[in-house]
PDB file of N, CA and C in Angstrom:
ATOM      1  N   MET A   1    -100.423  94.221  83.014  1.00  0.00           N
ATOM      2  CA  MET A   1     -99.696  94.769  81.874  1.00  0.00           C
ATOM      3  C   MET A   1     -99.543  93.683  80.800  1.00  0.00           C
ATOM      4  N   THR A   2     -99.777  94.060  79.577  1.00  0.00           N
ATOM      5  CA  THR A   2     -99.665  93.114  78.470  1.00  0.00           C
ATOM      6  C   THR A   2     -98.213  92.994  78.040  1.00  0.00           C
ATOM      7  N   THR A   3     -97.742  91.766  77.942  1.00  0.00           N
ATOM      8  CA  THR A   3     -96.350  91.539  77.569  1.00  0.00           C
ATOM      9  C   THR A   3     -96.197  91.501  76.053  1.00  0.00           C
ATOM     10  N   THR A   4     -94.958  91.563  75.604  1.00  0.00           N
ATOM     11  CA  THR A   4     -94.652  91.430  74.181  1.00  0.00           C
ATOM     12  C   THR A   4     -95.199  90.105  73.668  1.00  0.00           C
ATOM     13  N   PHE A   5     -95.006  89.034  74.436  1.00  0.00           N
ATOM     14  CA  PHE A   5     -95.505  87.718  74.035  1.00  0.00           C
ATOM     15  C   PHE A   5     -97.017  87.733  73.848  1.00  0.00           C
ATOM     16  N   ASP A   6     -97.740  88.348  74.788  1.00  0.00           N
ATOM     17  CA  ASP A   6     -99.203  88.406  74.700  1.00  0.00           C
ATOM     18  C   ASP A   6     -99.651  89.114  73.416  1.00  0.00           C
ATOM     19  N   LYS A   7     -98.989  90.220  73.098  1.00  0.00           N
ATOM     20  CA  LYS A   7     -99.360  90.985  71.901  1.00  0.00           C
ATOM     21  C   LYS A   7     -99.062  90.190  70.632  1.00  0.00           C
ATOM     22  N   ILE A   8     -97.888  89.577  70.576  1.00  0.00           N
ATOM     23  CA  ILE A   8     -97.506  88.796  69.398  1.00  0.00           C
ATOM     24  C   ILE A   8     -98.398  87.563  69.274  1.00  0.00           C
ATOM     25  N   LYS A   9     -98.682  86.930  70.383  1.00  0.00           N
ATOM     26  CA  LYS A   9     -99.562  85.761  70.388  1.00  0.00           C
ATOM     27  C   LYS A   9    -100.935  86.124  69.821  1.00  0.00           C
ATOM     28  N   ALA A  10    -101.483  87.256  70.242  1.00  0.00           N
ATOM     29  CA  ALA A  10    -102.793  87.704  69.748  1.00  0.00           C
ATOM     30  C   ALA A  10    -102.762  87.944  68.243  1.00  0.00           C
ATOM     31  N   ILE A  11    -101.682  88.514  67.750  1.00  0.00           N
ATOM     32  CA  ILE A  11    -101.535  88.760  66.307  1.00  0.00           C
ATOM     33  C   ILE A  11    -101.506  87.439  65.549  1.00  0.00           C
ATOM     34  N   ILE A  12    -100.729  86.478  66.046  1.00  0.00           N
ATOM     35  CA  ILE A  12    -100.622  85.173  65.383  1.00  0.00           C
ATOM     36  C   ILE A  12    -101.967  84.451  65.385  1.00  0.00           C
ATOM     37  N   ILE A  13    -102.652  84.466  66.510  1.00  0.00           N
ATOM     38  CA  ILE A  13    -103.966  83.816  66.611  1.00  0.00           C
ATOM     39  C   ILE A  13    -104.933  84.454  65.613  1.00  0.00           C
ATOM     40  N   ASP A  14    -104.922  85.774  65.539  1.00  0.00           N
ATOM     41  CA  ASP A  14    -105.807  86.490  64.632  1.00  0.00           C
ATOM     42  C   ASP A  14    -105.482  86.177  63.168  1.00  0.00           C
ATOM     43  N   GLN A  15    -104.201  86.208  62.827  1.00  0.00           N
ATOM     44  CA  GLN A  15    -103.795  86.003  61.436  1.00  0.00           C
ATOM     45  C   GLN A  15    -103.987  84.566  60.956  1.00  0.00           C
ATOM     46  N   LEU A  16    -103.676  83.616  61.818  1.00  0.00           N
ATOM     47  CA  LEU A  16    -103.681  82.216  61.396  1.00  0.00           C
ATOM     48  C   LEU A  16    -104.926  81.444  61.832  1.00  0.00           C
ATOM     49  N   GLY A  17    -105.773  82.078  62.628  1.00  0.00           N
ATOM     50  CA  GLY A  17    -106.977  81.409  63.088  1.00  0.00           C
ATOM     51  C   GLY A  17    -106.690  80.213  63.984  1.00  0.00           C
ATOM     52  N   LYS A  18    -105.637  80.315  64.774  1.00  0.00           N
ATOM     53  CA  LYS A  18    -105.241  79.221  65.674  1.00  0.00           C
ATOM     54  C   LYS A  18    -105.879  79.396  67.050  1.00  0.00           C
ATOM     55  N   GLU A  19    -105.878  78.321  67.820  1.00  0.00           N
ATOM     56  CA  GLU A  19    -106.351  78.369  69.200  1.00  0.00           C
ATOM     57  C   GLU A  19    -105.229  78.904  70.085  1.00  0.00           C
ATOM     58  N   GLU A  20    -105.610  79.529  71.193  1.00  0.00           N
ATOM     59  CA  GLU A  20    -104.621  80.142  72.088  1.00  0.00           C
ATOM     60  C   GLU A  20    -103.570  79.142  72.563  1.00  0.00           C
ATOM     61  N   GLU A  21    -103.999  77.915  72.902  1.00  0.00           N
ATOM     62  CA  GLU A  21    -103.044  76.932  73.422  1.00  0.00           C
ATOM     63  C   GLU A  21    -102.062  76.433  72.360  1.00  0.00           C
ATOM     64  N   GLU A  22    -102.344  76.684  71.087  1.00  0.00           N
ATOM     65  CA  GLU A  22    -101.436  76.274  70.012  1.00  0.00           C
ATOM     66  C   GLU A  22    -100.222  77.194  69.892  1.00  0.00           C
ATOM     67  N   VAL A  23    -100.329  78.391  70.439  1.00  0.00           N
ATOM     68  CA  VAL A  23     -99.266  79.385  70.288  1.00  0.00           C
ATOM     69  C   VAL A  23     -98.508  79.530  71.603  1.00  0.00           C
ATOM     70  N   GLN A  24     -97.366  78.873  71.690  1.00  0.00           N
ATOM     71  CA  GLN A  24     -96.490  78.941  72.862  1.00  0.00           C
ATOM     72  C   GLN A  24     -95.147  79.521  72.432  1.00  0.00           C
ATOM     73  N   LEU A  25     -94.295  79.854  73.392  1.00  0.00           N
ATOM     74  CA  LEU A  25     -92.983  80.422  73.053  1.00  0.00           C
ATOM     75  C   LEU A  25     -92.157  79.490  72.173  1.00  0.00           C
ATOM     76  N   THR A  26     -92.257  78.192  72.418  1.00  0.00           N
ATOM     77  CA  THR A  26     -91.420  77.240  71.678  1.00  0.00           C
ATOM     78  C   THR A  26     -92.028  76.812  70.346  1.00  0.00           C
ATOM     79  N   THR A  27     -93.204  77.318  70.024  1.00  0.00           N
ATOM     80  CA  THR A  27     -93.902  76.907  68.804  1.00  0.00           C
ATOM     81  C   THR A  27     -93.190  77.419  67.560  1.00  0.00           C
ATOM     82  N   SER A  28     -92.972  76.521  66.603  1.00  0.00           N
ATOM     83  CA  SER A  28     -92.394  76.885  65.309  1.00  0.00           C
ATOM     84  C   SER A  28     -93.479  77.547  64.462  1.00  0.00           C
ATOM     85  N   ILE A  29     -93.165  78.717  63.949  1.00  0.00           N
ATOM     86  CA  ILE A  29     -94.161  79.482  63.198  1.00  0.00           C
ATOM     87  C   ILE A  29     -94.510  78.771  61.882  1.00  0.00           C
ATOM     88  N   LYS A  30     -93.507  78.322  61.165  1.00  0.00           N
ATOM     89  CA  LYS A  30     -93.762  77.691  59.865  1.00  0.00           C
ATOM     90  C   LYS A  30     -94.201  76.237  60.010  1.00  0.00           C
ATOM     91  N   ASN A  31     -93.494  75.464  60.824  1.00  0.00           N
ATOM     92  CA  ASN A  31     -93.773  74.032  60.910  1.00  0.00           C
ATOM     93  C   ASN A  31     -95.034  73.704  61.701  1.00  0.00           C
ATOM     94  N   GLU A  32     -95.123  74.208  62.921  1.00  0.00           N
ATOM     95  CA  GLU A  32     -96.246  73.846  63.781  1.00  0.00           C
ATOM     96  C   GLU A  32     -97.502  74.674  63.516  1.00  0.00           C
ATOM     97  N   LEU A  33     -97.325  75.945  63.187  1.00  0.00           N
ATOM     98  CA  LEU A  33     -98.488  76.801  62.930  1.00  0.00           C
ATOM     99  C   LEU A  33     -98.839  76.851  61.443  1.00  0.00           C
ATOM    100  N   GLU A  34     -97.998  76.235  60.626  1.00  0.00           N
ATOM    101  CA  GLU A  34     -98.222  76.118  59.183  1.00  0.00           C
ATOM    102  C   GLU A  34     -98.399  77.478  58.499  1.00  0.00           C
ATOM    103  N   ALA A  35     -97.594  78.460  58.917  1.00  0.00           N
ATOM    104  CA  ALA A  35     -97.642  79.782  58.295  1.00  0.00           C
ATOM    105  C   ALA A  35     -96.815  79.766  57.014  1.00  0.00           C
ATOM    106  N   ASP A  36     -97.422  80.218  55.916  1.00  0.00           N
ATOM    107  CA  ASP A  36     -96.651  80.327  54.679  1.00  0.00           C
ATOM    108  C   ASP A  36     -96.010  81.713  54.618  1.00  0.00           C
ATOM    109  N   SER A  37     -95.314  82.007  53.542  1.00  0.00           N
ATOM    110  CA  SER A  37     -94.573  83.267  53.466  1.00  0.00           C
ATOM    111  C   SER A  37     -95.506  84.482  53.500  1.00  0.00           C
ATOM    112  N   LEU A  38     -96.692  84.366  52.915  1.00  0.00           N
ATOM    113  CA  LEU A  38     -97.647  85.475  52.968  1.00  0.00           C
ATOM    114  C   LEU A  38     -98.167  85.690  54.391  1.00  0.00           C
ATOM    115  N   ASP A  39     -98.465  84.582  55.085  1.00  0.00           N
ATOM    116  CA  ASP A  39     -98.889  84.675  56.492  1.00  0.00           C
ATOM    117  C   ASP A  39     -97.811  85.363  57.322  1.00  0.00           C
ATOM    118  N   LEU A  40     -96.575  84.919  57.126  1.00  0.00           N
ATOM    119  CA  LEU A  40     -95.460  85.467  57.905  1.00  0.00           C
ATOM    120  C   LEU A  40     -95.289  86.957  57.621  1.00  0.00           C
ATOM    121  N   PHE A  41     -95.390  87.335  56.352  1.00  0.00           N
ATOM    122  CA  PHE A  41     -95.285  88.743  55.974  1.00  0.00           C
ATOM    123  C   PHE A  41     -96.344  89.570  56.701  1.00  0.00           C
ATOM    124  N   GLN A  42     -97.578  89.078  56.724  1.00  0.00           N
ATOM    125  CA  GLN A  42     -98.674  89.806  57.382  1.00  0.00           C
ATOM    126  C   GLN A  42     -98.465  89.876  58.895  1.00  0.00           C
ATOM    127  N   ILE A  43     -98.002  88.775  59.488  1.00  0.00           N
ATOM    128  CA  ILE A  43     -97.717  88.764  60.928  1.00  0.00           C
ATOM    129  C   ILE A  43     -96.642  89.802  61.265  1.00  0.00           C
ATOM    130  N   LEU A  44     -95.570  89.830  60.481  1.00  0.00           N
ATOM    131  CA  LEU A  44     -94.486  90.788  60.733  1.00  0.00           C
ATOM    132  C   LEU A  44     -94.978  92.222  60.571  1.00  0.00           C
ATOM    133  N   ASN A  45     -95.808  92.476  59.559  1.00  0.00           N
ATOM    134  CA  ASN A  45     -96.373  93.823  59.385  1.00  0.00           C
ATOM    135  C   ASN A  45     -97.236  94.215  60.580  1.00  0.00           C
ATOM    136  N   ASP A  46     -98.057  93.282  61.044  1.00  0.00           N
ATOM    137  CA  ASP A  46     -98.913  93.568  62.195  1.00  0.00           C
ATOM    138  C   ASP A  46     -98.094  93.827  63.456  1.00  0.00           C
ATOM    139  N   ILE A  47     -97.008  93.088  63.629  1.00  0.00           N
ATOM    140  CA  ILE A  47     -96.124  93.314  64.784  1.00  0.00           C
ATOM    141  C   ILE A  47     -95.489  94.696  64.685  1.00  0.00           C
ATOM    142  N   GLU A  48     -95.017  95.070  63.494  1.00  0.00           N
ATOM    143  CA  GLU A  48     -94.438  96.409  63.325  1.00  0.00           C
ATOM    144  C   GLU A  48     -95.473  97.487  63.655  1.00  0.00           C
ATOM    145  N   ASP A  49     -96.725  97.296  63.210  1.00  0.00           N
ATOM    146  CA  ASP A  49     -97.786  98.263  63.511  1.00  0.00           C
ATOM    147  C   ASP A  49     -98.055  98.330  65.016  1.00  0.00           C
ATOM    148  N   GLU A  50     -98.107  97.162  65.659  1.00  0.00           N
ATOM    149  CA  GLU A  50     -98.386  97.094  67.095  1.00  0.00           C
ATOM    150  C   GLU A  50     -97.304  97.805  67.914  1.00  0.00           C
ATOM    151  N   PHE A  51     -96.058  97.703  67.460  1.00  0.00           N
ATOM    152  CA  PHE A  51     -94.935  98.255  68.224  1.00  0.00           C
ATOM    153  C   PHE A  51     -94.314  99.472  67.537  1.00  0.00           C
ATOM    154  N   GLU A  52     -95.097 100.166  66.703  1.00  0.00           N
ATOM    155  CA  GLU A  52     -94.531 101.280  65.942  1.00  0.00           C
ATOM    156  C   GLU A  52     -94.035 102.418  66.832  1.00  0.00           C
ATOM    157  N   GLU A  53     -94.620 102.586  68.005  1.00  0.00           N
ATOM    158  CA  GLU A  53     -94.149 103.635  68.918  1.00  0.00           C
ATOM    159  C   GLU A  53     -92.721 103.369  69.392  1.00  0.00           C
ATOM    160  N   HIS A  54     -92.266 102.113  69.242  1.00  0.00           N
ATOM    161  CA  HIS A  54     -90.902 101.740  69.627  1.00  0.00           C
ATOM    162  C   HIS A  54     -89.979 101.595  68.414  1.00  0.00           C
ATOM    163  N   ASP A  55     -90.471 102.006  67.230  1.00  0.00           N
ATOM    164  CA  ASP A  55     -89.695 101.926  65.984  1.00  0.00           C
ATOM    165  C   ASP A  55     -89.200 100.520  65.677  1.00  0.00           C
ATOM    166  N   VAL A  56     -90.034  99.525  65.931  1.00  0.00           N
ATOM    167  CA  VAL A  56     -89.667  98.137  65.644  1.00  0.00           C
ATOM    168  C   VAL A  56     -89.829  97.880  64.154  1.00  0.00           C
ATOM    169  N   THR A  57     -88.754  97.369  63.536  1.00  0.00           N
ATOM    170  CA  THR A  57     -88.811  96.943  62.136  1.00  0.00           C
ATOM    171  C   THR A  57     -88.231  95.536  62.051  1.00  0.00           C
ATOM    172  N   ILE A  58     -88.879  94.709  61.250  1.00  0.00           N
ATOM    173  CA  ILE A  58     -88.451  93.321  61.117  1.00  0.00           C
ATOM    174  C   ILE A  58     -88.281  92.998  59.639  1.00  0.00           C
ATOM    175  N   GLU A  59     -87.089  92.579  59.283  1.00  0.00           N
ATOM    176  CA  GLU A  59     -86.843  92.127  57.919  1.00  0.00           C
ATOM    177  C   GLU A  59     -87.259  90.666  57.823  1.00  0.00           C
ATOM    178  N   THR A  60     -87.730  90.246  56.667  1.00  0.00           N
ATOM    179  CA  THR A  60     -88.197  88.864  56.520  1.00  0.00           C
ATOM    180  C   THR A  60     -87.053  87.852  56.583  1.00  0.00           C
ATOM    181  N   ASP A  61     -85.824  88.314  56.473  1.00  0.00           N
ATOM    182  CA  ASP A  61     -84.690  87.372  56.510  1.00  0.00           C
ATOM    183  C   ASP A  61     -84.001  87.328  57.874  1.00  0.00           C
ATOM    184  N   GLU A  62     -84.711  87.668  58.932  1.00  0.00           N
ATOM    185  CA  GLU A  62     -84.129  87.697  60.278  1.00  0.00           C
ATOM    186  C   GLU A  62     -83.967  86.310  60.891  1.00  0.00           C
ATOM    187  N   ASN A  63     -84.403  85.262  60.189  1.00  0.00           N
ATOM    188  CA  ASN A  63     -84.273  83.884  60.667  1.00  0.00           C
ATOM    189  C   ASN A  63     -85.044  83.666  61.973  1.00  0.00           C
ATOM    190  N   LEU A  64     -86.283  84.110  61.970  1.00  0.00           N
ATOM    191  CA  LEU A  64     -87.151  83.979  63.135  1.00  0.00           C
ATOM    192  C   LEU A  64     -87.983  82.712  62.981  1.00  0.00           C
ATOM    193  N   GLU A  65     -87.611  81.673  63.724  1.00  0.00           N
ATOM    194  CA  GLU A  65     -88.239  80.355  63.568  1.00  0.00           C
ATOM    195  C   GLU A  65     -89.392  80.121  64.539  1.00  0.00           C
ATOM    196  N   THR A  66     -89.205  80.533  65.784  1.00  0.00           N
ATOM    197  CA  THR A  66     -90.203  80.251  66.813  1.00  0.00           C
ATOM    198  C   THR A  66     -90.848  81.555  67.301  1.00  0.00           C
ATOM    199  N   VAL A  67     -91.908  81.414  68.047  1.00  0.00           N
ATOM    200  CA  VAL A  67     -92.573  82.575  68.644  1.00  0.00           C
ATOM    201  C   VAL A  67     -91.591  83.292  69.573  1.00  0.00           C
ATOM    202  N   LYS A  68     -90.781  82.526  70.305  1.00  0.00           N
ATOM    203  CA  LYS A  68     -89.779  83.125  71.205  1.00  0.00           C
ATOM    204  C   LYS A  68     -88.775  83.975  70.429  1.00  0.00           C
ATOM    205  N   ASP A  69     -88.362  83.501  69.244  1.00  0.00           N
ATOM    206  CA  ASP A  69     -87.451  84.292  68.417  1.00  0.00           C
ATOM    207  C   ASP A  69     -88.056  85.660  68.104  1.00  0.00           C
ATOM    208  N   LEU A  70     -89.329  85.667  67.768  1.00  0.00           N
ATOM    209  CA  LEU A  70     -90.024  86.928  67.473  1.00  0.00           C
ATOM    210  C   LEU A  70     -90.071  87.836  68.702  1.00  0.00           C
ATOM    211  N   VAL A  71     -90.461  87.259  69.830  1.00  0.00           N
ATOM    212  CA  VAL A  71     -90.565  88.036  71.077  1.00  0.00           C
ATOM    213  C   VAL A  71     -89.202  88.614  71.461  1.00  0.00           C
ATOM    214  N   ASP A  72     -88.161  87.789  71.420  1.00  0.00           N
ATOM    215  CA  ASP A  72     -86.814  88.258  71.774  1.00  0.00           C
ATOM    216  C   ASP A  72     -86.345  89.364  70.832  1.00  0.00           C
ATOM    217  N   PHE A  73     -86.627  89.196  69.535  1.00  0.00           N
ATOM    218  CA  PHE A  73     -86.219  90.186  68.539  1.00  0.00           C
ATOM    219  C   PHE A  73     -86.895  91.532  68.813  1.00  0.00           C
ATOM    220  N   VAL A  74     -88.199  91.500  69.068  1.00  0.00           N
ATOM    221  CA  VAL A  74     -88.954  92.728  69.334  1.00  0.00           C
ATOM    222  C   VAL A  74     -88.484  93.366  70.640  1.00  0.00           C
ATOM    223  N   ASP A  75     -88.317  92.564  71.694  1.00  0.00           N
ATOM    224  CA  ASP A  75     -87.845  93.103  72.980  1.00  0.00           C
ATOM    225  C   ASP A  75     -86.474  93.755  72.832  1.00  0.00           C
ATOM    226  N   LYS A  76     -85.602  93.150  72.025  1.00  0.00           N
ATOM    227  CA  LYS A  76     -84.260  93.696  71.817  1.00  0.00           C
ATOM    228  C   LYS A  76     -84.351  95.045  71.113  1.00  0.00           C
ATOM    229  N   GLN A  77     -85.217  95.133  70.103  1.00  0.00           N
ATOM    230  CA  GLN A  77     -85.368  96.412  69.386  1.00  0.00           C
ATOM    231  C   GLN A  77     -85.965  97.484  70.285  1.00  0.00           C
ATOM    232  N   ILE A  78     -86.918  97.106  71.108  1.00  0.00           N
ATOM    233  CA  ILE A  78     -87.517  98.072  72.036  1.00  0.00           C
ATOM    234  C   ILE A  78     -86.437  98.620  72.975  1.00  0.00           C
ATOM    235  N   ALA A  79     -85.605  97.730  73.504  1.00  0.00           N
ATOM    236  CA  ALA A  79     -84.523  98.153  74.419  1.00  0.00           C
ATOM    237  C   ALA A  79     -83.518  99.055  73.707  1.00  0.00           C
ATOM    238  N   GLU A  80     -83.191  98.738  72.468  1.00  0.00           N
ATOM    239  CA  GLU A  80     -82.221  99.528  71.710  1.00  0.00           C
ATOM    240  C   GLU A  80     -82.769 100.894  71.325  1.00  0.00           C
ATOM    241  N   ASN A  81     -84.079 101.004  71.168  1.00  0.00           N
ATOM    242  CA  ASN A  81     -84.686 102.248  70.692  1.00  0.00           C
ATOM    243  C   ASN A  81     -85.190 103.155  71.809  1.00  0.00           C
ATOM    244  N   LYS A  82     -84.879 102.818  73.051  1.00  0.00           N
ATOM    245  CA  LYS A  82     -85.324 103.656  74.179  1.00  0.00           C
ATOM    246  C   LYS A  82     -84.535 104.938  74.212  1.00  0.00           C
TER     247      LYS A  82
END
């Protein structure tokens, strides 16, 4: 079964052209992966599309710094929308 982390990791790798080992739970999206605001916007849109069956929506001001922050945020929304 594919986890939330696996799906988000794949989106980040695709959007930023990073290697798989560069994207870990503790990785900072802006600092370590060097994502600018446009990159982040596209990543968030792709995550919303990936999890649309769970009504996941992410505002750009959610203060999501690391990959783990993103995963936790999405998992929380999935649990709330069941």
